[in-house]
Amino acid sequence: MCFFISFLPATFWAVIGYFVLLSSSRAEGRVQTIGHWLAIWIFVIAVLIPFVAAYITLTGFCPLDAMLQACE
């Protein structure tokens, strides 16, 4: 369950990364360089979120599963 819910923040960070990359491509000089590096880090975060959520789901530490079992 945590894996599927992780796509929401991953999508959010990917969209933010796209806008940072878009705005940095219109800038000049050092701001453009910093913007490109910042966009790369934001995309890395967006990719890591589903990987961490998959690990949490596979190891059984997902708190959503525990809450769903408690409701039954």
PDB file of N, CA and C in Angstrom:
ATOM      1  N   MET A   1       0.810  -1.180   0.000  1.00  0.00           N
ATOM      2  CA  MET A   1       0.000   0.000   0.000  1.00  0.00           C
ATOM      3  C   MET A   1       0.867   1.263   0.000  1.00  0.00           C
ATOM      4  N   CYS A   2       1.956   1.239   0.741  1.00  0.00           N
ATOM      5  CA  CYS A   2       2.840   2.408   0.784  1.00  0.00           C
ATOM      6  C   CYS A   2       3.449   2.689  -0.585  1.00  0.00           C
ATOM      7  N   PHE A   3       3.676   1.621  -1.357  1.00  0.00           N
ATOM      8  CA  PHE A   3       4.278   1.800  -2.671  1.00  0.00           C
ATOM      9  C   PHE A   3       3.380   2.626  -3.586  1.00  0.00           C
ATOM     10  N   PHE A   4       2.090   2.311  -3.597  1.00  0.00           N
ATOM     11  CA  PHE A   4       1.175   3.022  -4.483  1.00  0.00           C
ATOM     12  C   PHE A   4       0.942   4.466  -4.028  1.00  0.00           C
ATOM     13  N   ILE A   5       0.925   4.684  -2.731  1.00  0.00           N
ATOM     14  CA  ILE A   5       0.723   6.039  -2.216  1.00  0.00           C
ATOM     15  C   ILE A   5       1.977   6.889  -2.433  1.00  0.00           C
ATOM     16  N   SER A   6       3.127   6.252  -2.592  1.00  0.00           N
ATOM     17  CA  SER A   6       4.361   7.007  -2.802  1.00  0.00           C
ATOM     18  C   SER A   6       4.404   7.701  -4.158  1.00  0.00           C
ATOM     19  N   PHE A   7       3.530   7.328  -5.083  1.00  0.00           N
ATOM     20  CA  PHE A   7       3.524   7.987  -6.379  1.00  0.00           C
ATOM     21  C   PHE A   7       3.008   9.420  -6.292  1.00  0.00           C
ATOM     22  N   LEU A   8       2.227   9.741  -5.287  1.00  0.00           N
ATOM     23  CA  LEU A   8       1.745  11.116  -5.130  1.00  0.00           C
ATOM     24  C   LEU A   8       2.888  12.088  -4.827  1.00  0.00           C
ATOM     25  N   PRO A   9       3.699  11.858  -3.786  1.00  0.00           N
ATOM     26  CA  PRO A   9       4.811  12.801  -3.569  1.00  0.00           C
ATOM     27  C   PRO A   9       5.874  12.718  -4.656  1.00  0.00           C
ATOM     28  N   ALA A  10       6.054  11.543  -5.262  1.00  0.00           N
ATOM     29  CA  ALA A  10       7.035  11.437  -6.346  1.00  0.00           C
ATOM     30  C   ALA A  10       6.606  12.279  -7.542  1.00  0.00           C
ATOM     31  N   THR A  11       5.313  12.259  -7.847  1.00  0.00           N
ATOM     32  CA  THR A  11       4.802  13.080  -8.944  1.00  0.00           C
ATOM     33  C   THR A  11       4.945  14.564  -8.610  1.00  0.00           C
ATOM     34  N   PHE A  12       4.650  14.924  -7.371  1.00  0.00           N
ATOM     35  CA  PHE A  12       4.806  16.315  -6.929  1.00  0.00           C
ATOM     36  C   PHE A  12       6.239  16.781  -7.125  1.00  0.00           C
ATOM     37  N   TRP A  13       7.219  15.989  -6.677  1.00  0.00           N
ATOM     38  CA  TRP A  13       8.619  16.385  -6.800  1.00  0.00           C
ATOM     39  C   TRP A  13       9.069  16.414  -8.253  1.00  0.00           C
ATOM     40  N   ALA A  14       8.537  15.510  -9.088  1.00  0.00           N
ATOM     41  CA  ALA A  14       8.892  15.529 -10.509  1.00  0.00           C
ATOM     42  C   ALA A  14       8.377  16.799 -11.185  1.00  0.00           C
ATOM     43  N   VAL A  15       7.177  17.224 -10.834  1.00  0.00           N
ATOM     44  CA  VAL A  15       6.627  18.451 -11.409  1.00  0.00           C
ATOM     45  C   VAL A  15       7.424  19.661 -10.932  1.00  0.00           C
ATOM     46  N   ILE A  16       7.765  19.700  -9.668  1.00  0.00           N
ATOM     47  CA  ILE A  16       8.586  20.795  -9.144  1.00  0.00           C
ATOM     48  C   ILE A  16       9.949  20.812  -9.845  1.00  0.00           C
ATOM     49  N   GLY A  17      10.547  19.648 -10.049  1.00  0.00           N
ATOM     50  CA  GLY A  17      11.827  19.562 -10.747  1.00  0.00           C
ATOM     51  C   GLY A  17      11.730  20.067 -12.171  1.00  0.00           C
ATOM     52  N   TYR A  18      10.617  19.751 -12.828  1.00  0.00           N
ATOM     53  CA  TYR A  18      10.430  20.235 -14.189  1.00  0.00           C
ATOM     54  C   TYR A  18      10.363  21.766 -14.221  1.00  0.00           C
ATOM     55  N   PHE A  19       9.631  22.360 -13.290  1.00  0.00           N
ATOM     56  CA  PHE A  19       9.518  23.816 -13.275  1.00  0.00           C
ATOM     57  C   PHE A  19      10.837  24.485 -12.885  1.00  0.00           C
ATOM     58  N   VAL A  20      11.599  23.863 -12.005  1.00  0.00           N
ATOM     59  CA  VAL A  20      12.919  24.416 -11.677  1.00  0.00           C
ATOM     60  C   VAL A  20      13.825  24.338 -12.895  1.00  0.00           C
ATOM     61  N   LEU A  21      13.777  23.218 -13.617  1.00  0.00           N
ATOM     62  CA  LEU A  21      14.590  23.082 -14.820  1.00  0.00           C
ATOM     63  C   LEU A  21      14.163  24.062 -15.900  1.00  0.00           C
ATOM     64  N   LEU A  22      12.866  24.248 -16.042  1.00  0.00           N
ATOM     65  CA  LEU A  22      12.356  25.192 -17.030  1.00  0.00           C
ATOM     66  C   LEU A  22      12.764  26.624 -16.704  1.00  0.00           C
ATOM     67  N   SER A  23      12.630  27.005 -15.442  1.00  0.00           N
ATOM     68  CA  SER A  23      12.988  28.375 -15.070  1.00  0.00           C
ATOM     69  C   SER A  23      14.499  28.598 -15.095  1.00  0.00           C
ATOM     70  N   SER A  24      15.272  27.556 -14.800  1.00  0.00           N
ATOM     71  CA  SER A  24      16.725  27.741 -14.846  1.00  0.00           C
ATOM     72  C   SER A  24      17.235  27.787 -16.283  1.00  0.00           C
ATOM     73  N   SER A  25      16.520  27.177 -17.207  1.00  0.00           N
ATOM     74  CA  SER A  25      16.968  27.246 -18.599  1.00  0.00           C
ATOM     75  C   SER A  25      16.777  28.653 -19.172  1.00  0.00           C
ATOM     76  N   ARG A  26      15.908  29.429 -18.571  1.00  0.00           N
ATOM     77  CA  ARG A  26      15.692  30.810 -19.018  1.00  0.00           C
ATOM     78  C   ARG A  26      16.583  31.810 -18.284  1.00  0.00           C
ATOM     79  N   ALA A  27      17.315  31.338 -17.295  1.00  0.00           N
ATOM     80  CA  ALA A  27      18.203  32.220 -16.535  1.00  0.00           C
ATOM     81  C   ALA A  27      19.572  32.268 -17.218  1.00  0.00           C
ATOM     82  N   GLU A  28      20.456  33.044 -16.633  1.00  0.00           N
ATOM     83  CA  GLU A  28      21.793  33.190 -17.194  1.00  0.00           C
ATOM     84  C   GLU A  28      22.841  33.030 -16.107  1.00  0.00           C
ATOM     85  N   GLY A  29      24.016  32.589 -16.515  1.00  0.00           N
ATOM     86  CA  GLY A  29      25.177  32.555 -15.633  1.00  0.00           C
ATOM     87  C   GLY A  29      25.087  31.510 -14.538  1.00  0.00           C
ATOM     88  N   ARG A  30      25.470  31.950 -13.349  1.00  0.00           N
ATOM     89  CA  ARG A  30      25.558  31.044 -12.204  1.00  0.00           C
ATOM     90  C   ARG A  30      24.177  30.547 -11.763  1.00  0.00           C
ATOM     91  N   VAL A  31      23.157  31.373 -11.932  1.00  0.00           N
ATOM     92  CA  VAL A  31      21.798  30.966 -11.562  1.00  0.00           C
ATOM     93  C   VAL A  31      21.345  29.783 -12.417  1.00  0.00           C
ATOM     94  N   GLN A  32      21.722  29.784 -13.677  1.00  0.00           N
ATOM     95  CA  GLN A  32      21.368  28.674 -14.561  1.00  0.00           C
ATOM     96  C   GLN A  32      22.059  27.389 -14.114  1.00  0.00           C
ATOM     97  N   THR A  33      23.326  27.474 -13.752  1.00  0.00           N
ATOM     98  CA  THR A  33      24.063  26.294 -13.298  1.00  0.00           C
ATOM     99  C   THR A  33      23.478  25.743 -12.006  1.00  0.00           C
ATOM    100  N   ILE A  34      23.214  26.628 -11.061  1.00  0.00           N
ATOM    101  CA  ILE A  34      22.632  26.198  -9.783  1.00  0.00           C
ATOM    102  C   ILE A  34      21.250  25.597 -10.010  1.00  0.00           C
ATOM    103  N   GLY A  35      20.472  26.184 -10.892  1.00  0.00           N
ATOM    104  CA  GLY A  35      19.143  25.665 -11.189  1.00  0.00           C
ATOM    105  C   GLY A  35      19.188  24.286 -11.804  1.00  0.00           C
ATOM    106  N   HIS A  36      20.145  24.037 -12.689  1.00  0.00           N
ATOM    107  CA  HIS A  36      20.272  22.713 -13.292  1.00  0.00           C
ATOM    108  C   HIS A  36      20.640  21.666 -12.246  1.00  0.00           C
ATOM    109  N   TRP A  37      21.591  22.014 -11.379  1.00  0.00           N
ATOM    110  CA  TRP A  37      21.976  21.059 -10.331  1.00  0.00           C
ATOM    111  C   TRP A  37      20.826  20.820  -9.346  1.00  0.00           C
ATOM    112  N   LEU A  38      20.107  21.862  -9.021  1.00  0.00           N
ATOM    113  CA  LEU A  38      18.961  21.713  -8.124  1.00  0.00           C
ATOM    114  C   LEU A  38      17.885  20.835  -8.757  1.00  0.00           C
ATOM    115  N   ALA A  39      17.640  21.011 -10.031  1.00  0.00           N
ATOM    116  CA  ALA A  39      16.651  20.184 -10.731  1.00  0.00           C
ATOM    117  C   ALA A  39      17.078  18.724 -10.748  1.00  0.00           C
ATOM    118  N   ILE A  40      18.363  18.460 -10.929  1.00  0.00           N
ATOM    119  CA  ILE A  40      18.852  17.076 -10.905  1.00  0.00           C
ATOM    120  C   ILE A  40      18.595  16.450  -9.546  1.00  0.00           C
ATOM    121  N   TRP A  41      18.886  17.186  -8.476  1.00  0.00           N
ATOM    122  CA  TRP A  41      18.658  16.654  -7.127  1.00  0.00           C
ATOM    123  C   TRP A  41      17.165  16.426  -6.865  1.00  0.00           C
ATOM    124  N   ILE A  42      16.334  17.300  -7.360  1.00  0.00           N
ATOM    125  CA  ILE A  42      14.894  17.125  -7.168  1.00  0.00           C
ATOM    126  C   ILE A  42      14.407  15.887  -7.911  1.00  0.00           C
ATOM    127  N   PHE A  43      14.917  15.645  -9.115  1.00  0.00           N
ATOM    128  CA  PHE A  43      14.544  14.432  -9.853  1.00  0.00           C
ATOM    129  C   PHE A  43      15.055  13.173  -9.151  1.00  0.00           C
ATOM    130  N   VAL A  44      16.227  13.247  -8.552  1.00  0.00           N
ATOM    131  CA  VAL A  44      16.753  12.100  -7.791  1.00  0.00           C
ATOM    132  C   VAL A  44      15.846  11.796  -6.605  1.00  0.00           C
ATOM    133  N   ILE A  45      15.400  12.829  -5.917  1.00  0.00           N
ATOM    134  CA  ILE A  45      14.471  12.636  -4.802  1.00  0.00           C
ATOM    135  C   ILE A  45      13.177  12.010  -5.287  1.00  0.00           C
ATOM    136  N   ALA A  46      12.682  12.478  -6.428  1.00  0.00           N
ATOM    137  CA  ALA A  46      11.438  11.942  -6.978  1.00  0.00           C
ATOM    138  C   ALA A  46      11.573  10.467  -7.340  1.00  0.00           C
ATOM    139  N   VAL A  47      12.739  10.048  -7.768  1.00  0.00           N
ATOM    140  CA  VAL A  47      12.953   8.637  -8.125  1.00  0.00           C
ATOM    141  C   VAL A  47      13.155   7.785  -6.875  1.00  0.00           C
ATOM    142  N   LEU A  48      13.799   8.345  -5.867  1.00  0.00           N
ATOM    143  CA  LEU A  48      14.084   7.566  -4.662  1.00  0.00           C
ATOM    144  C   LEU A  48      12.843   7.281  -3.815  1.00  0.00           C
ATOM    145  N   ILE A  49      11.855   8.138  -3.874  1.00  0.00           N
ATOM    146  CA  ILE A  49      10.660   7.953  -3.044  1.00  0.00           C
ATOM    147  C   ILE A  49       9.972   6.615  -3.327  1.00  0.00           C
ATOM    148  N   PRO A  50       9.691   6.232  -4.585  1.00  0.00           N
ATOM    149  CA  PRO A  50       9.073   4.912  -4.807  1.00  0.00           C
ATOM    150  C   PRO A  50       9.986   3.744  -4.444  1.00  0.00           C
ATOM    151  N   PHE A  51      11.310   3.910  -4.608  1.00  0.00           N
ATOM    152  CA  PHE A  51      12.217   2.835  -4.223  1.00  0.00           C
ATOM    153  C   PHE A  51      12.187   2.600  -2.714  1.00  0.00           C
ATOM    154  N   VAL A  52      12.191   3.671  -1.948  1.00  0.00           N
ATOM    155  CA  VAL A  52      12.116   3.539  -0.486  1.00  0.00           C
ATOM    156  C   VAL A  52      10.765   2.963  -0.076  1.00  0.00           C
ATOM    157  N   ALA A  53       9.706   3.400  -0.723  1.00  0.00           N
ATOM    158  CA  ALA A  53       8.378   2.874  -0.400  1.00  0.00           C
ATOM    159  C   ALA A  53       8.260   1.397  -0.763  1.00  0.00           C
ATOM    160  N   ALA A  54       8.889   0.981  -1.855  1.00  0.00           N
ATOM    161  CA  ALA A  54       8.882  -0.442  -2.211  1.00  0.00           C
ATOM    162  C   ALA A  54       9.631  -1.254  -1.164  1.00  0.00           C
ATOM    163  N   TYR A  55      10.745  -0.740  -0.682  1.00  0.00           N
ATOM    164  CA  TYR A  55      11.494  -1.422   0.359  1.00  0.00           C
ATOM    165  C   TYR A  55      10.664  -1.536   1.640  1.00  0.00           C
ATOM    166  N   ILE A  56      10.013  -0.453   2.016  1.00  0.00           N
ATOM    167  CA  ILE A  56       9.180  -0.459   3.217  1.00  0.00           C
ATOM    168  C   ILE A  56       8.038  -1.456   3.065  1.00  0.00           C
ATOM    169  N   THR A  57       7.431  -1.505   1.892  1.00  0.00           N
ATOM    170  CA  THR A  57       6.315  -2.419   1.665  1.00  0.00           C
ATOM    171  C   THR A  57       6.787  -3.861   1.696  1.00  0.00           C
ATOM    172  N   LEU A  58       7.918  -4.160   1.067  1.00  0.00           N
ATOM    173  CA  LEU A  58       8.406  -5.537   1.005  1.00  0.00           C
ATOM    174  C   LEU A  58       8.903  -6.047   2.352  1.00  0.00           C
ATOM    175  N   THR A  59       9.413  -5.166   3.198  1.00  0.00           N
ATOM    176  CA  THR A  59       9.884  -5.602   4.505  1.00  0.00           C
ATOM    177  C   THR A  59       8.770  -5.678   5.540  1.00  0.00           C
ATOM    178  N   GLY A  60       7.606  -5.145   5.216  1.00  0.00           N
ATOM    179  CA  GLY A  60       6.473  -5.240   6.129  1.00  0.00           C
ATOM    180  C   GLY A  60       6.395  -4.141   7.155  1.00  0.00           C
ATOM    181  N   PHE A  61       7.123  -3.067   6.982  1.00  0.00           N
ATOM    182  CA  PHE A  61       7.113  -1.964   7.940  1.00  0.00           C
ATOM    183  C   PHE A  61       6.146  -0.855   7.575  1.00  0.00           C
ATOM    184  N   CYS A  62       5.272  -1.090   6.617  1.00  0.00           N
ATOM    185  CA  CYS A  62       4.340  -0.064   6.167  1.00  0.00           C
ATOM    186  C   CYS A  62       3.280   0.193   7.240  1.00  0.00           C
ATOM    187  N   PRO A  63       3.196   1.413   7.768  1.00  0.00           N
ATOM    188  CA  PRO A  63       2.219   1.690   8.812  1.00  0.00           C
ATOM    189  C   PRO A  63       0.785   1.651   8.304  1.00  0.00           C
ATOM    190  N   LEU A  64       0.579   1.845   7.011  1.00  0.00           N
ATOM    191  CA  LEU A  64      -0.778   1.791   6.467  1.00  0.00           C
ATOM    192  C   LEU A  64      -1.346   0.376   6.538  1.00  0.00           C
ATOM    193  N   ASP A  65      -0.503  -0.618   6.302  1.00  0.00           N
ATOM    194  CA  ASP A  65      -0.967  -2.000   6.406  1.00  0.00           C
ATOM    195  C   ASP A  65      -1.365  -2.344   7.842  1.00  0.00           C
ATOM    196  N   ALA A  66      -0.603  -1.834   8.802  1.00  0.00           N
ATOM    197  CA  ALA A  66      -0.934  -2.085  10.207  1.00  0.00           C
ATOM    198  C   ALA A  66      -2.257  -1.414  10.579  1.00  0.00           C
ATOM    199  N   MET A  67      -2.507  -0.228  10.054  1.00  0.00           N
ATOM    200  CA  MET A  67      -3.768   0.455  10.356  1.00  0.00           C
ATOM    201  C   MET A  67      -4.932  -0.265   9.708  1.00  0.00           C
ATOM    202  N   LEU A  68      -4.750  -0.770   8.490  1.00  0.00           N
ATOM    203  CA  LEU A  68      -5.821  -1.497   7.827  1.00  0.00           C
ATOM    204  C   LEU A  68      -6.144  -2.798   8.534  1.00  0.00           C
ATOM    205  N   GLN A  69      -5.127  -3.474   9.066  1.00  0.00           N
ATOM    206  CA  GLN A  69      -5.364  -4.709   9.801  1.00  0.00           C
ATOM    207  C   GLN A  69      -6.037  -4.444  11.131  1.00  0.00           C
ATOM    208  N   ALA A  70      -5.757  -3.301  11.738  1.00  0.00           N
ATOM    209  CA  ALA A  70      -6.382  -2.970  13.012  1.00  0.00           C
ATOM    210  C   ALA A  70      -7.858  -2.647  12.851  1.00  0.00           C
ATOM    211  N   CYS A  71      -8.245  -2.179  11.675  1.00  0.00           N
ATOM    212  CA  CYS A  71      -9.645  -1.830  11.434  1.00  0.00           C
ATOM    213  C   CYS A  71     -10.496  -3.063  11.164  1.00  0.00           C
ATOM    214  N   GLU A  72      -9.889  -4.169  10.847  1.00  0.00           N
ATOM    215  CA  GLU A  72     -10.681  -5.369  10.524  1.00  0.00           C
ATOM    216  C   GLU A  72     -11.189  -6.075  11.738  1.00  0.00           C
TER     217      GLU A  72
END
